[in-house]
Amino acid sequence: MELLNELNDDVNGCYEDENPETLLENNPEFFKKFTIVVATGLSERVLLQLADVLWQQSIPLLVCRSYGFIGYMRLVVKEHTVIESHPDNAHEDLRLDRPFPALVKYCDSLNMDTMNKKDHSHTPWLVIIYKYLQQWKNEHNGSPPQNYKEKNQLKQMIREGIRKNEDGITEDEENFDEAIKSVNMALVPTRIPSEVEKLFNDPCAINLSPESKPFWILLRAVKEFVENEGNGALPLRGSIPDMTADSGRYIQLQNAYIEQANKDVAVITDKVNMLINSLAKGVSISDQEIKLFCKNSAFVRILRCTSLAEEYNSQTINTQDIGSHLEDEDGDSEMIFYVLLRGVDRFYEEYNRYPGGDNDQVEPDVQLLKGIISKLIHEWGLTSNVKEDYIHEICRYGASELHTIASIMGGCAAQEVIKVITGQFVPIDNTFIYNAVKQTSFAVKL
């Protein structure tokens, strides 16, 4: 540990040279001081004891193991809220389908017909789409383009707006090209994501109490905003994408969005303060936290994992998903490795050793493990079978831990720990299996 600490002066670490089972029996309070606990190499019985202690204290547990060519990870957390989920493909929040006053005022202040060549070719594409969208609506009873054909017609209107020189040749106006390419994205209707709608109706958001987390108070404030001042829309994100434009007008357009976003934040801040006062809650939520929540309100997520006790109970485990994967047409779903790992853990509980620990034990242990796995699958009420080739292979592993697999799983586990601690990005829900033979991975909620 001393040498590890030398790798980074900003990090401190210590260790306890104690058997986890002994700690659980004599000093279970030891585990209650951590933000998250990572467990590896524990028997099924000890793991369930540890998971129960942490579950009662709402402390996340990450189980990670490397077994031959199999990597396994299981996150156990009662409730984990995420504000900054950083989705890969998020639409810009432009509100062209329901423009706010500041945007309307700015766009209407620009007359593209009277602009010189330079200004015309440096007008932000967002303004161009707004202008031609209003023209379209005037010609179609106030309705925006509804389908692929109509959107192409709008693109053609924009294309015809590109100026031509004295010889009748179309000018090179990159901003118009950007506008044409951005029509589909810009016309995405302003909606509340289904995940957020579901959170709005969550009992934790509806029935606030003095014990409610700040996340739920913020969500309730946003919900009230949506139902009143927001007219069915979330607070404006307040950002716009990069585009070809002169700095002055780009900044003016950006400020219009920032101004409206700040107004929305101010309204929600008042609602947050009123909720805190009504709950007599002795904590405060900073303006920065409120602003961050509003900016990411379309991406907030919650993760509720099942406990290990539920998973290891044959009456409450998610047998439906297990069965559907085991009955896969190819018969090679990574779910097989989950069943195998559960089997070797039960083998250990019965024989106090893992199957195939010695070369001369491999063949006899294949039959023993086969019987254990068959019994396990029967307890789940399933009729599927695991090919004997898989059982033979996992017996050959002999519980070995390969450094390459351990390295990969260690990296994956580190990422999940960082997600949980920082509250950014969405952690796995809740089981992850890595197949090093085929270089494939698999996630399932059990």
Foldseek 3Di string as FASTA:
>chain_A
DVVVCVVDVVDDDDDDPDDLVVCLVPPLVVVLVDQEEEDEDDFPVSVQSNLVSCAVSQRKYWYWYFFFQKTKIWIAGAKFKFQAAPDPDDFAQLCLVPDDPLLVVLLVVDDLVPDDPVQNLFAALSSLLSVLQVVVCVVVVNDGDDDDVRLVVSLVVLVVVFDADPVRHGDDRVNSVVNSVCSVRVPDDAAQDPQLVVLCPDPCLVDPALPRDLVSLLSVLQVVCCVPVVVNHAQQLQADDDGRHDPVNVVSSSVSSNVSNVVSLVSSQVSSVVVCVVNVHPDDDDSVNSSSNSNRVSPMHMAGADGVVQCPQLVRNPVVVLQVQCVPPVNDGLSLVVLLVVLQSVVCVVPVAGAQLDVVRLVVVLVVSQVSSVVVCVSNVHDGHRDSVVSSVSNNSRRDGDPVSVVVSVVLVVVLVCCRVVSYHDHAQTMKMARSVVRDIDGDGD
